[in-house]
């Protein structure tokens, strides 16, 4: 029996450990001695966004904890690439209305967006997510549903579902609604809900729950299987006859009027409808744990219906797993790969390091919503992350916070890459803003932050520096960027009263002796205190804070021509002592 290798236990306030306890116990009850199976499902119908990432990160974190305890775990990610192409998403580069002609085809039969290096729509959008998962350290077994269906892997399950189609129909009928909204009749069918994160429903036009029906129902009866047309490849087909003994199936296509009769025991060009497909896979794979979006808490949802179908039809057991909540976005100036939609993990990893992104998912329980910052809030988020690292280092961290940190910085396989000198993100962003990426200037400024322990190479500040530079260039609007003045503002300098001129004199007089980040911080906050006859380290009063703000605004106007800007100590270092003297009228 594996031993508990992890330092975590169910006695701590750590949601991951508690789920790991439950999953191990359930796995030993259902399938003793076999690998623990957890699962996720992703549809490459368009950019796979940060809400979808919770579908992966929740079981990943649980699986990783189980691995740390010495168990063998399989984290399955089913790529639902055999799903139908439902809608042309807005704003995807290289895609126009001509893609409408592909609606109804499998995602793997739809061409990739113009200019893509990949052979199909599905492969194009899978690729970006696969790269992001690799960077995030997610270990998984990827399963292409196109490959599974076309290989006949589920043939026995399909034939079983067709034999039990009346039982499936009876389960679905409990949740169907008539046009007047009453339940329990076949008057109308409730639009099917494909498994998605609520953030997608809230924010991504055209990429939410599936609107396909739950099977073919006509004079010939109900059928839970949809063939893809042998002529036009679309799933706009209706099964018109089926013989259980011979497995002979006939269908017609409403898109091209094609008709065909095939034997289902040797025919692979089709799939079970979603509300049958999902529970079938639970039973086939022996899934113990799989989360789902909060939309599945409603009656008639795929998870609720699937729980009955897996038990009553496939003699299986529904996975345990939480409903996960919204993942929101805090500001995004540009959409890069997900223009017109919500941002993807790849977008986030351009502006933040992988451990920070992992931490956002690890520190919140699945049923707690949270936001991922693309605006100025990312600076505060990094401050919080660095503070947590210091608490871990000095032993003052709370157990649950320590667990989330450990899960963020690495996995059972080892630690993720990190920045050797993790300088404050807001400082790096300010420097990148001012230098516009000039490496010699950037190194000069960063080496002067701490003269006693100077940075000798920009590699010491990477990859965090690269992420901060990317944030400045992709998320900060051009009008908010910092442009240092070329010439002194003689008019403003000439209009200063005696106190204004004295404040500049005191600052310039102290530049050389305070030329470090900490020193300049002391200097710029201390000048207004000295003007009031106080010591530089005196505690500020409300009146003094007003004077400080006035002094800071003066410096910003003289240096960058507006009332605000990057933190002044960083700005002064970036501008350089000689240029500061020139712009301040020395």
Protein backbone atom coordinates (compact mmCIF):
# COMPACT_ATOMS: atom_id res chain seq x y z
CA UNK A 1 0.00 0.00 0.00
CA UNK A 2 1.45 3.42 -0.90
CA UNK A 3 2.45 5.65 1.96
CA UNK A 4 1.59 9.30 2.38
CA UNK A 5 4.60 11.07 0.94
CA UNK A 6 3.05 14.53 1.10
CA UNK A 7 3.29 16.75 4.15
CA UNK A 8 -0.37 17.61 3.68
CA UNK A 9 -3.19 15.85 5.52
CA UNK A 10 -6.94 16.07 5.72
CA UNK A 11 -6.68 17.73 9.11
CA UNK A 12 -5.45 20.93 7.48
CA UNK A 13 -7.65 23.58 5.87
CA UNK A 14 -6.40 22.58 2.42
CA UNK A 15 -9.14 21.75 -0.10
CA UNK A 16 -6.79 19.77 -2.33
CA UNK A 17 -5.78 17.36 0.43
CA UNK A 18 -9.37 16.83 1.48
CA UNK A 19 -10.41 15.93 -2.07
CA UNK A 20 -7.35 13.67 -2.39
CA UNK A 21 -8.46 11.79 0.75
CA UNK A 22 -11.94 11.32 -0.73
CA UNK A 23 -10.68 10.27 -4.16
CA UNK A 24 -8.24 7.71 -2.75
CA UNK A 25 -10.94 6.21 -0.55
CA UNK A 26 -13.43 6.09 -3.42
CA UNK A 27 -10.87 4.57 -5.79
CA UNK A 28 -9.99 1.85 -3.30
CA UNK A 29 -13.69 1.09 -2.88
CA UNK A 30 -14.48 0.97 -6.62
CA UNK A 31 -11.24 -0.28 -8.17
CA UNK A 32 -8.77 -1.51 -5.54
CA UNK A 33 -5.23 -1.92 -6.76
CA UNK A 34 -5.81 0.02 -9.98
CA UNK A 35 -4.52 3.49 -10.89
CA UNK A 36 -6.63 6.37 -9.63
CA UNK A 37 -8.44 7.96 -12.60
CA UNK A 38 -9.35 11.66 -12.70
CA UNK A 39 -10.65 13.42 -15.78
CA UNK A 40 -11.15 16.70 -17.61
CA UNK A 41 -12.83 17.50 -20.89
CA UNK A 42 -11.93 20.30 -23.29
CA UNK A 43 -13.56 21.27 -26.55
CA UNK A 44 -11.20 22.87 -29.11
CA UNK A 45 -14.12 24.70 -30.73
CA UNK A 46 -12.24 28.00 -30.38
CA UNK A 47 -9.69 29.60 -28.04
CA UNK A 48 -9.65 27.56 -24.81
CA UNK A 49 -9.88 30.23 -22.13
CA UNK A 50 -8.94 30.71 -18.49
CA UNK A 51 -12.36 29.56 -17.31
CA UNK A 52 -11.79 26.24 -19.08
CA UNK A 53 -8.43 25.98 -17.33
CA UNK A 54 -10.24 25.41 -14.03
CA UNK A 55 -11.66 22.23 -15.61
CA UNK A 56 -8.05 21.03 -15.83
CA UNK A 57 -6.37 22.60 -12.80
CA UNK A 58 -8.88 21.26 -10.26
CA UNK A 59 -8.26 17.56 -11.04
CA UNK A 60 -4.59 18.25 -11.76
CA UNK A 61 -3.97 19.60 -8.28
CA UNK A 62 -5.82 16.67 -6.72
CA UNK A 63 -4.01 14.15 -8.93
CA UNK A 64 -0.66 15.71 -8.10
CA UNK A 65 -1.36 15.47 -4.37
CA UNK A 66 -2.23 11.79 -4.79
CA UNK A 67 1.02 11.25 -6.72
CA UNK A 68 2.95 12.93 -3.90
CA UNK A 69 1.50 10.27 -1.60
CA UNK A 70 2.94 7.51 -3.76
CA UNK A 71 -0.11 6.40 -5.74
CA UNK A 72 -0.31 5.89 -9.49
CA UNK A 73 -2.71 8.36 -11.07
CA UNK A 74 -4.06 8.89 -14.58
CA UNK A 75 -5.33 12.37 -15.36
CA UNK A 76 -7.31 12.01 -18.57
CA UNK A 77 -7.94 15.04 -20.72
CA UNK A 78 -10.54 14.19 -23.33
CA UNK A 79 -10.22 16.46 -26.32
CA UNK A 80 -13.80 16.69 -27.58
CA UNK A 81 -12.53 17.18 -31.10
CA UNK A 82 -15.19 14.94 -32.64
CA UNK A 83 -17.89 17.37 -31.54
CA UNK A 84 -19.75 19.28 -34.22
CA UNK A 85 -18.60 22.73 -35.33
CA UNK A 86 -21.49 24.78 -33.98
CA UNK A 87 -20.75 28.42 -34.65
CA UNK A 88 -18.10 30.63 -36.18
CA UNK A 89 -16.59 32.43 -33.18
CA UNK A 90 -16.26 36.19 -33.31
CA UNK A 91 -12.89 37.83 -33.71
CA UNK A 92 -10.70 34.80 -34.45
CA UNK A 93 -7.95 36.01 -36.76
CA UNK A 94 -8.09 34.52 -40.23
CA UNK A 95 -11.73 33.45 -39.91
CA UNK A 96 -14.68 34.98 -41.77
CA UNK A 97 -18.24 34.08 -42.72
CA UNK A 98 -17.00 31.50 -45.21
CA UNK A 99 -16.49 29.14 -42.28
CA UNK A 100 -20.29 28.97 -41.95
CA UNK A 101 -20.25 26.23 -44.59
CA UNK A 102 -18.49 23.92 -42.12
CA UNK A 103 -21.12 24.12 -39.37
CA UNK A 104 -22.16 20.59 -38.46
CA UNK A 105 -18.86 18.91 -39.36
CA UNK A 106 -16.52 17.37 -36.76
CA UNK A 107 -14.01 19.90 -35.46
CA UNK A 108 -11.22 17.77 -36.91
CA UNK A 109 -12.79 18.07 -40.39
CA UNK A 110 -12.92 21.87 -40.32
CA UNK A 111 -9.94 23.76 -41.81
CA UNK A 112 -7.71 25.64 -39.42
CA UNK A 113 -7.88 29.45 -39.40
CA UNK A 114 -6.02 31.06 -42.28
CA UNK A 115 -2.28 31.11 -41.74
CA UNK A 116 -2.28 28.29 -39.19
CA UNK A 117 0.42 25.63 -39.31
CA UNK A 118 -2.04 22.96 -38.13
CA UNK A 119 -4.15 20.61 -40.27
CA UNK A 120 -7.55 21.32 -38.69
CA UNK A 121 -9.57 23.69 -36.55
CA UNK A 122 -9.32 21.32 -33.58
CA UNK A 123 -5.56 20.85 -33.82
CA UNK A 124 -5.03 24.61 -34.12
CA UNK A 125 -6.77 25.38 -30.84
CA UNK A 126 -5.49 22.27 -29.05
CA UNK A 127 -1.90 23.32 -29.77
CA UNK A 128 -2.00 26.58 -27.78
CA UNK A 129 -3.58 24.83 -24.78
CA UNK A 130 -1.13 21.92 -24.94
CA UNK A 131 1.79 24.33 -24.84
CA UNK A 132 0.28 26.19 -21.88
CA UNK A 133 -0.34 22.96 -19.96
CA UNK A 134 3.28 21.93 -20.52
CA UNK A 135 4.47 25.27 -19.15
CA UNK A 136 2.15 24.88 -16.15
CA UNK A 137 3.57 21.44 -15.34
CA UNK A 138 0.29 19.58 -15.89
CA UNK A 139 0.86 15.84 -16.37
CA UNK A 140 -1.95 14.16 -18.27
CA UNK A 141 -2.99 11.53 -20.81
CA UNK A 142 -4.60 13.24 -23.78
CA UNK A 143 -7.40 11.38 -25.56
CA UNK A 144 -8.66 12.48 -28.96
CA UNK A 145 -12.34 11.60 -29.27
CA UNK A 146 -11.96 11.69 -33.06
CA UNK A 147 -9.37 8.94 -32.81
CA UNK A 148 -11.46 6.97 -30.32
CA UNK A 149 -14.63 7.03 -32.39
CA UNK A 150 -12.99 6.47 -35.77
CA UNK A 151 -11.03 3.52 -34.38
CA UNK A 152 -14.22 1.88 -33.17
CA UNK A 153 -13.04 2.00 -29.57
CA UNK A 154 -16.56 2.62 -28.27
CA UNK A 155 -18.37 0.27 -30.67
CA UNK A 156 -19.70 -2.05 -27.98
CA UNK A 157 -20.81 0.92 -25.88
CA UNK A 158 -22.61 2.43 -28.90
CA UNK A 159 -24.40 -0.82 -29.67
CA UNK A 160 -25.31 -1.15 -25.99
CA UNK A 161 -26.74 2.38 -25.96
CA UNK A 162 -28.78 1.66 -29.08
CA UNK A 163 -30.20 -1.51 -27.52
CA UNK A 164 -31.13 0.50 -24.45
CA UNK A 165 -32.35 3.57 -26.31
CA UNK A 166 -35.79 3.32 -24.73
CA UNK A 167 -34.21 3.45 -21.26
CA UNK A 168 -32.13 6.47 -22.25
CA UNK A 169 -35.16 8.14 -23.75
CA UNK A 170 -37.07 7.60 -20.50
CA UNK A 171 -34.32 9.29 -18.46
CA UNK A 172 -34.11 12.24 -20.84
CA UNK A 173 -37.88 12.53 -20.94
CA UNK A 174 -37.93 13.39 -17.24
CA UNK A 175 -36.18 16.65 -18.07
CA UNK A 176 -37.58 17.60 -21.46
CA UNK A 177 -39.86 20.62 -21.57
CA UNK A 178 -42.81 21.59 -23.67
CA UNK A 179 -42.93 25.01 -25.27
CA UNK A 180 -44.89 26.27 -22.29
CA UNK A 181 -41.96 25.33 -20.05
CA UNK A 182 -43.58 22.43 -18.16
CA UNK A 183 -41.42 19.39 -17.63
CA UNK A 184 -41.79 15.73 -18.31
CA UNK A 185 -43.15 15.54 -21.89
CA UNK A 186 -41.68 15.31 -25.36
CA UNK A 187 -43.41 18.44 -26.58
CA UNK A 188 -40.04 20.12 -26.86
CA UNK A 189 -36.49 19.24 -25.99
CA UNK A 190 -34.40 21.18 -23.58
CA UNK A 191 -31.33 22.47 -25.43
CA UNK A 192 -28.40 20.31 -24.48
CA UNK A 193 -25.81 21.77 -22.12
CA UNK A 194 -22.24 20.92 -23.06
CA UNK A 195 -19.79 20.89 -20.20
CA UNK A 196 -18.27 24.36 -19.94
CA UNK A 197 -17.11 26.80 -17.33
CA UNK A 198 -19.57 29.51 -16.33
CA UNK A 199 -17.06 32.19 -17.23
CA UNK A 200 -17.48 31.08 -20.82
CA UNK A 201 -21.24 31.39 -20.58
CA UNK A 202 -20.83 34.84 -19.10
CA UNK A 203 -18.12 36.26 -21.30
CA UNK A 204 -17.46 34.31 -24.50
CA UNK A 205 -19.97 34.84 -27.24
CA UNK A 206 -20.51 31.74 -29.31
CA UNK A 207 -18.45 29.38 -27.18
CA UNK A 208 -20.82 28.40 -24.41
CA UNK A 209 -23.03 25.37 -23.87
CA UNK A 210 -23.85 23.25 -26.86
CA UNK A 211 -27.25 23.79 -28.43
CA UNK A 212 -27.55 20.39 -30.13
CA UNK A 213 -30.52 18.18 -29.32
CA UNK A 214 -30.24 15.01 -27.25
CA UNK A 215 -30.83 12.57 -30.09
CA UNK A 216 -33.08 11.77 -33.03
CA UNK A 217 -36.73 11.32 -32.16
CA UNK A 218 -39.24 10.70 -34.94
CA UNK A 219 -41.80 8.19 -36.12
CA UNK A 220 -39.12 5.51 -36.07
CA UNK A 221 -38.39 6.16 -32.39
CA UNK A 222 -35.63 7.71 -30.34
CA UNK A 223 -31.93 7.18 -31.18
CA UNK A 224 -28.96 8.38 -29.06
CA UNK A 225 -26.50 8.12 -31.96
CA UNK A 226 -25.74 10.70 -34.65
CA UNK A 227 -24.02 9.63 -37.89
CA UNK A 228 -21.90 12.17 -39.70
CA UNK A 229 -23.12 12.34 -43.29
CA UNK A 230 -21.16 10.21 -45.76
CA UNK A 231 -21.52 12.94 -48.39
CA UNK A 232 -21.18 16.36 -46.71
CA UNK A 233 -19.67 15.21 -43.37
CA UNK A 234 -22.26 17.14 -41.35
CA UNK A 235 -24.29 15.80 -38.45
CA UNK A 236 -27.57 17.23 -39.75
CA UNK A 237 -28.79 13.66 -39.98
CA UNK A 238 -31.81 11.77 -38.70
CA UNK A 239 -31.81 8.03 -38.06
CA UNK A 240 -34.86 6.63 -39.84
CA UNK A 241 -34.50 2.93 -39.02
CA UNK A 242 -32.41 0.60 -36.87
CA UNK A 243 -32.42 -3.16 -36.44
CA UNK A 244 -30.95 -4.46 -33.18
CA UNK A 245 -30.30 -7.94 -34.54
CA UNK A 246 -28.36 -6.91 -37.64
CA UNK A 247 -27.28 -3.43 -36.39
CA UNK A 248 -28.45 -2.12 -39.76
CA UNK A 249 -28.99 1.65 -39.52
CA UNK A 250 -30.51 4.01 -42.07
CA UNK A 251 -30.29 7.78 -41.98
CA UNK A 252 -31.03 10.84 -44.08
CA UNK A 253 -29.15 14.14 -44.17
CA UNK A 254 -31.19 17.33 -44.17
CA UNK A 255 -28.23 19.35 -45.44
CA UNK A 256 -27.65 17.51 -48.71
CA UNK A 257 -30.52 14.96 -48.92
CA UNK A 258 -28.03 12.09 -48.82
CA UNK A 259 -29.37 8.76 -47.56
CA UNK A 260 -27.37 5.75 -46.49
CA UNK A 261 -27.82 2.37 -44.83
CA UNK A 262 -24.88 0.99 -42.83
CA UNK A 263 -24.15 -1.71 -40.28
CA UNK A 264 -23.37 -0.08 -36.97
CA UNK A 265 -21.18 -2.98 -35.87
CA UNK A 266 -18.66 -1.94 -38.51
CA UNK A 267 -19.47 1.77 -38.99
CA UNK A 268 -17.42 4.41 -37.14
CA UNK A 269 -18.41 7.75 -38.70
CA UNK A 270 -20.65 9.07 -35.95
CA UNK A 271 -20.94 9.53 -32.18
CA UNK A 272 -23.25 9.28 -29.24
CA UNK A 273 -25.02 12.52 -28.34
CA UNK A 274 -23.37 14.40 -25.50
CA UNK A 275 -25.72 13.47 -22.65
CA UNK A 276 -25.05 9.81 -23.44
CA UNK A 277 -21.44 10.15 -24.55
CA UNK A 278 -20.23 11.68 -21.27
CA UNK A 279 -21.63 9.00 -18.92
CA UNK A 280 -20.54 6.29 -21.34
CA UNK A 281 -16.96 7.52 -20.97
CA UNK A 282 -17.23 7.65 -17.17
CA UNK A 283 -18.02 3.95 -17.18
CA UNK A 284 -15.54 3.04 -19.93
CA UNK A 285 -12.59 4.87 -18.32
CA UNK A 286 -13.53 4.17 -14.69
CA UNK A 287 -13.38 7.87 -13.79
CA UNK A 288 -13.32 8.48 -10.03
CA UNK A 289 -13.05 12.28 -9.96
CA UNK A 290 -14.15 14.92 -12.45
CA UNK A 291 -15.28 18.49 -11.71
CA UNK A 292 -17.88 20.34 -13.73
CA UNK A 293 -19.07 23.92 -14.18
CA UNK A 294 -21.79 25.34 -11.95
CA UNK A 295 -24.24 25.18 -14.84
CA UNK A 296 -24.45 21.46 -14.12
CA UNK A 297 -26.14 22.02 -10.77
CA UNK A 298 -29.42 22.69 -12.60
CA UNK A 299 -32.03 19.99 -13.29
CA UNK A 300 -31.63 18.51 -16.75
CA UNK A 301 -27.95 19.42 -16.99
CA UNK A 302 -25.51 16.95 -18.52
CA UNK A 303 -24.00 16.05 -15.15
CA UNK A 304 -27.36 15.42 -13.49
CA UNK A 305 -28.78 13.43 -16.40
CA UNK A 306 -25.46 11.65 -16.91
CA UNK A 307 -25.49 10.40 -13.34
CA UNK A 308 -28.73 8.55 -14.03
CA UNK A 309 -27.69 7.25 -17.45
CA UNK A 310 -24.34 5.91 -16.26
CA UNK A 311 -26.08 4.00 -13.48
CA UNK A 312 -29.22 2.83 -15.29
CA UNK A 313 -27.75 2.14 -18.73
CA UNK A 314 -23.99 1.57 -18.46
CA UNK A 315 -23.93 -0.05 -15.00
CA UNK A 316 -21.34 2.47 -13.88
CA UNK A 317 -20.90 5.05 -11.14
CA UNK A 318 -20.84 8.81 -11.53
CA UNK A 319 -17.52 10.45 -10.61
CA UNK A 320 -17.27 12.51 -7.47
CA UNK A 321 -16.17 16.09 -7.95
CA UNK A 322 -17.08 19.67 -7.18
CA UNK A 323 -18.96 22.22 -9.23
CA UNK A 324 -16.48 24.97 -9.97
CA UNK A 325 -17.29 28.67 -10.06
CA UNK A 326 -16.56 31.62 -12.32
CA UNK A 327 -13.08 32.70 -13.31
CA UNK A 328 -13.32 36.40 -14.10
CA UNK A 329 -10.92 38.77 -15.80
CA UNK A 330 -9.75 42.07 -14.37
CA UNK A 331 -9.09 44.34 -17.35
CA UNK A 332 -7.60 43.42 -20.69
CA UNK A 333 -6.48 46.10 -23.12
CA UNK A 334 -5.71 43.73 -25.96
CA UNK A 335 -6.99 40.23 -26.63
CA UNK A 336 -4.03 38.86 -28.65
CA UNK A 337 -4.90 35.26 -29.58
CA UNK A 338 -8.41 35.50 -28.19
CA UNK A 339 -9.53 38.73 -29.85
CA UNK A 340 -13.23 39.18 -29.49
CA UNK A 341 -13.42 36.64 -26.66
CA UNK A 342 -11.97 36.00 -23.25
CA UNK A 343 -8.25 35.49 -22.65
CA UNK A 344 -6.53 32.12 -22.76
CA UNK A 345 -3.89 30.51 -20.53
CA UNK A 346 -1.35 31.42 -23.21
CA UNK A 347 -2.36 35.08 -22.84
CA UNK A 348 -1.93 34.91 -19.07
CA UNK A 349 1.46 33.18 -19.31
CA UNK A 350 2.75 36.04 -21.44
CA UNK A 351 2.37 38.44 -18.51
CA UNK A 352 2.81 36.20 -15.44
CA UNK A 353 5.00 33.29 -14.47
CA UNK A 354 3.53 29.78 -14.38
CA UNK A 355 3.77 29.40 -10.57
CA UNK A 356 1.70 32.55 -10.04
CA UNK A 357 -1.02 31.34 -12.41
CA UNK A 358 -1.04 27.93 -10.70
CA UNK A 359 -1.36 29.68 -7.34
CA UNK A 360 -4.50 31.51 -8.39
CA UNK A 361 -6.23 28.17 -8.97
CA UNK A 362 -4.69 26.42 -5.95
CA UNK A 363 -5.49 28.97 -3.28
CA UNK A 364 -9.25 29.16 -3.90
CA UNK A 365 -11.69 26.32 -3.35
CA UNK A 366 -13.34 25.25 -6.61
CA UNK A 367 -16.69 26.73 -5.58
CA UNK A 368 -15.08 30.14 -4.98
CA UNK A 369 -14.91 32.52 -7.92
CA UNK A 370 -11.85 34.67 -8.50
CA UNK A 371 -10.38 37.06 -11.04
CA UNK A 372 -7.19 36.95 -13.04
CA UNK A 373 -5.64 40.38 -13.41
CA UNK A 374 -4.58 41.81 -16.74
CA UNK A 375 -4.72 45.41 -15.51
CA UNK A 376 -2.79 47.29 -12.80
CA UNK A 377 -4.08 44.76 -10.26
CA UNK A 378 -1.40 42.34 -11.46
CA UNK A 379 1.18 44.44 -9.61
CA UNK A 380 -0.68 44.06 -6.31
CA UNK A 381 -1.10 40.35 -7.03
CA UNK A 382 2.66 39.94 -7.47
CA UNK A 383 3.26 41.88 -4.24
CA UNK A 384 0.98 39.41 -2.46
CA UNK A 385 2.81 36.47 -4.04
CA UNK A 386 6.23 37.80 -3.02
CA UNK A 387 4.96 38.45 0.51
CA UNK A 388 3.78 34.84 0.68
CA UNK A 389 7.21 33.64 -0.44
CA UNK A 390 8.84 35.62 2.38
CA UNK A 391 6.44 34.14 4.92
CA UNK A 392 7.23 30.65 3.67
CA UNK A 393 10.94 31.40 3.98
CA UNK A 394 10.74 32.73 7.54
CA UNK A 395 8.23 30.15 8.77
CA UNK A 396 5.36 32.53 9.56
CA UNK A 397 3.03 31.21 6.85
CA UNK A 398 -0.32 29.57 7.69
CA UNK A 399 -0.60 25.84 6.78
CA UNK A 400 -3.20 26.26 4.04
CA UNK A 401 -1.22 29.11 2.45
CA UNK A 402 1.95 27.02 2.62
CA UNK A 403 0.16 24.15 0.87
CA UNK A 404 -1.11 26.42 -1.92
CA UNK A 405 2.38 27.88 -2.37
CA UNK A 406 3.98 24.42 -2.57
CA UNK A 407 1.44 23.33 -5.17
CA UNK A 408 2.11 26.50 -7.17
CA UNK A 409 5.89 26.31 -7.38
CA UNK A 410 6.09 22.65 -8.35
CA UNK A 411 4.54 19.24 -8.79
CA UNK A 412 5.34 15.70 -7.69
CA UNK A 413 7.82 15.65 -10.59
CA UNK A 414 9.80 18.64 -9.26
CA UNK A 415 9.85 22.42 -9.09
CA UNK A 416 8.88 24.61 -12.01
CA UNK A 417 11.40 27.11 -13.45
CA UNK A 418 11.65 30.29 -11.37
CA UNK A 419 13.31 33.71 -11.48
CA UNK A 420 16.68 33.70 -9.65
CA UNK A 421 16.31 37.33 -8.50
CA UNK A 422 12.56 37.94 -8.18
CA UNK A 423 12.63 41.73 -8.16
CA UNK A 424 9.25 43.42 -7.55
CA UNK A 425 7.03 43.08 -10.61
CA UNK A 426 5.87 46.70 -10.34
CA UNK A 427 9.49 47.84 -10.40
CA UNK A 428 10.29 45.72 -13.45
CA UNK A 429 7.17 46.99 -15.19
CA UNK A 430 8.08 50.61 -14.47
CA UNK A 431 11.60 50.10 -15.79
CA UNK A 432 10.29 48.35 -18.90
CA UNK A 433 7.84 51.20 -19.42
CA UNK A 434 10.54 53.85 -19.28
CA UNK A 435 13.29 52.05 -21.21
CA UNK A 436 10.99 50.63 -23.92
CA UNK A 437 12.94 47.36 -23.73
CA UNK A 438 16.45 48.80 -24.16
CA UNK A 439 18.51 46.11 -22.43
CA UNK A 440 21.56 48.24 -21.59
CA UNK A 441 19.38 50.86 -19.95
CA UNK A 442 17.35 48.19 -18.15
CA UNK A 443 20.48 46.54 -16.76
CA UNK A 444 21.87 49.89 -15.62
CA UNK A 445 18.71 50.72 -13.71
CA UNK A 446 18.23 47.28 -12.19
CA UNK A 447 21.87 47.09 -11.12
CA UNK A 448 21.41 50.35 -9.18
CA UNK A 449 18.37 49.17 -7.23
CA UNK A 450 20.58 47.58 -4.57
CA UNK A 451 24.18 48.85 -4.87
CA UNK A 452 25.38 46.41 -2.21
CA UNK A 453 24.10 43.43 -4.20
CA UNK A 454 23.90 44.65 -7.81
CA UNK A 455 22.26 42.68 -10.60
CA UNK A 456 24.99 41.62 -13.02
CA UNK A 457 22.87 40.11 -15.80
CA UNK A 458 19.27 40.49 -16.94
CA UNK A 459 19.03 36.70 -16.93
CA UNK A 460 18.95 36.91 -13.14
CA UNK A 461 15.63 38.79 -13.41
CA UNK A 462 14.13 36.50 -16.01
CA UNK A 463 11.53 35.20 -16.79
CA UNK A 464 9.75 37.72 -14.53
CA UNK A 465 11.31 40.65 -16.37
CA UNK A 466 10.05 39.30 -19.71
CA UNK A 467 6.55 38.94 -18.29
CA UNK A 468 6.57 42.50 -16.97
CA UNK A 469 7.79 43.84 -20.33
CA UNK A 470 5.03 41.90 -22.08
CA UNK A 471 2.43 43.32 -19.72
CA UNK A 472 3.60 46.87 -20.45
CA UNK A 473 3.60 46.40 -24.22
CA UNK A 474 0.35 44.40 -24.56
CA UNK A 475 -1.90 45.51 -21.70
CA UNK A 476 -1.04 49.13 -20.91
CA UNK A 477 -2.69 51.56 -23.36
CA UNK A 478 -0.35 53.81 -25.28
CA UNK A 479 -1.78 56.93 -23.63
CA UNK A 480 -0.88 55.51 -20.21
CA UNK A 481 2.75 54.74 -21.11
CA UNK A 482 5.51 56.82 -19.55
CA UNK A 483 7.48 59.19 -21.79
CA UNK A 484 10.26 61.13 -20.10
CA UNK A 485 10.54 64.76 -21.17
CA UNK A 486 13.31 65.70 -23.57
CA UNK A 487 13.71 69.25 -22.27
CA UNK A 488 13.05 70.98 -18.93
CA UNK A 489 9.64 72.60 -18.48
CA UNK A 490 11.04 76.11 -18.15
CA UNK A 491 7.62 77.69 -17.77
CA UNK A 492 6.73 75.47 -14.80
CA UNK A 493 10.17 75.86 -13.25
CA UNK A 494 9.92 79.64 -13.58
CA UNK A 495 6.53 79.73 -11.88
CA UNK A 496 7.62 77.93 -8.70
CA UNK A 497 7.42 79.72 -5.38
CA UNK A 498 10.23 79.63 -2.84
CA UNK A 499 8.97 76.43 -1.21
CA UNK A 500 8.78 74.66 -4.58
CA UNK A 501 12.30 75.68 -5.50
CA UNK A 502 13.59 74.61 -2.06
CA UNK A 503 11.96 71.19 -2.37
CA UNK A 504 13.76 70.60 -5.67
CA UNK A 505 17.05 71.82 -4.19
CA UNK A 506 16.77 69.37 -1.28
CA UNK A 507 16.01 66.51 -3.66
CA UNK A 508 18.90 67.30 -5.98
CA UNK A 509 21.25 67.78 -3.07
CA UNK A 510 20.45 64.27 -1.78
CA UNK A 511 20.54 62.36 -5.07
CA UNK A 512 24.11 61.07 -4.90
CA UNK A 513 23.93 59.95 -1.27
CA UNK A 514 20.54 58.25 -1.76
CA UNK A 515 21.06 56.63 -5.19
CA UNK A 516 19.37 53.29 -4.61
CA UNK A 517 15.74 52.20 -4.56
CA UNK A 518 15.49 52.33 -0.78
CA UNK A 519 17.54 55.51 -0.55
CA UNK A 520 15.46 57.40 -3.10
CA UNK A 521 12.30 56.22 -1.38
CA UNK A 522 13.53 57.76 1.84
CA UNK A 523 14.57 60.94 0.00
CA UNK A 524 11.35 61.65 -1.92
CA UNK A 525 9.16 61.01 1.11
CA UNK A 526 11.55 62.93 3.37
CA UNK A 527 11.83 66.22 1.45
CA UNK A 528 8.35 67.49 2.45
CA UNK A 529 9.11 66.52 6.06
CA UNK A 530 12.36 68.51 6.10
CA UNK A 531 10.52 71.51 4.63
CA UNK A 532 8.19 71.32 7.63
CA UNK A 533 11.14 71.26 10.03
CA UNK A 534 10.79 67.53 10.76
CA UNK A 535 13.23 64.67 10.62
CA UNK A 536 13.20 62.62 7.37
CA UNK A 537 11.95 59.56 9.28
CA UNK A 538 9.13 61.39 11.08
CA UNK A 539 5.72 59.74 10.95
CA UNK A 540 3.49 61.48 8.40
CA UNK A 541 0.47 63.45 9.51
CA UNK A 542 -2.62 64.03 7.30
CA UNK A 543 -1.30 67.51 6.50
CA UNK A 544 2.11 66.09 5.66
CA UNK A 545 0.57 63.52 3.31
CA UNK A 546 -1.09 66.37 1.41
CA UNK A 547 2.28 68.09 1.08
CA UNK A 548 3.89 64.85 -0.12
CA UNK A 549 1.24 64.34 -2.79
CA UNK A 550 1.75 67.91 -3.98
CA UNK A 551 5.51 67.39 -4.15
CA UNK A 552 5.12 64.10 -6.04
CA UNK A 553 2.79 65.72 -8.58
CA UNK A 554 5.37 68.47 -9.17
CA UNK A 555 8.10 65.90 -9.83
CA UNK A 556 5.88 63.94 -12.22
CA UNK A 557 5.02 67.09 -14.19
CA UNK A 558 8.66 68.05 -14.48
CA UNK A 559 9.84 64.54 -15.40
CA UNK A 560 7.03 63.04 -17.53
CA UNK A 561 4.62 65.91 -18.15
CA UNK A 562 1.64 64.60 -16.17
CA UNK A 563 0.49 64.33 -12.56
CA UNK A 564 1.08 60.60 -12.09
CA UNK A 565 3.43 57.89 -13.27
CA UNK A 566 5.57 54.99 -12.08
CA UNK A 567 6.74 54.97 -8.48
CA UNK A 568 9.04 57.96 -8.14
CA UNK A 569 12.12 56.14 -6.77
CA UNK A 570 12.00 53.76 -9.75
CA UNK A 571 11.36 56.64 -12.14
CA UNK A 572 14.34 58.61 -10.82
CA UNK A 573 16.63 55.60 -11.19
CA UNK A 574 15.37 55.02 -14.70
CA UNK A 575 15.82 58.61 -15.79
CA UNK A 576 19.35 58.72 -14.37
CA UNK A 577 20.93 61.30 -12.06
CA UNK A 578 22.29 63.59 -14.76
CA UNK A 579 19.02 63.81 -16.66
CA UNK A 580 17.07 64.30 -13.43
CA UNK A 581 19.28 67.27 -12.63
CA UNK A 582 18.66 68.74 -16.08
CA UNK A 583 14.88 68.30 -15.97
CA UNK A 584 14.63 69.66 -12.44
CA UNK A 585 16.48 72.80 -13.39
CA UNK A 586 19.80 72.22 -11.69
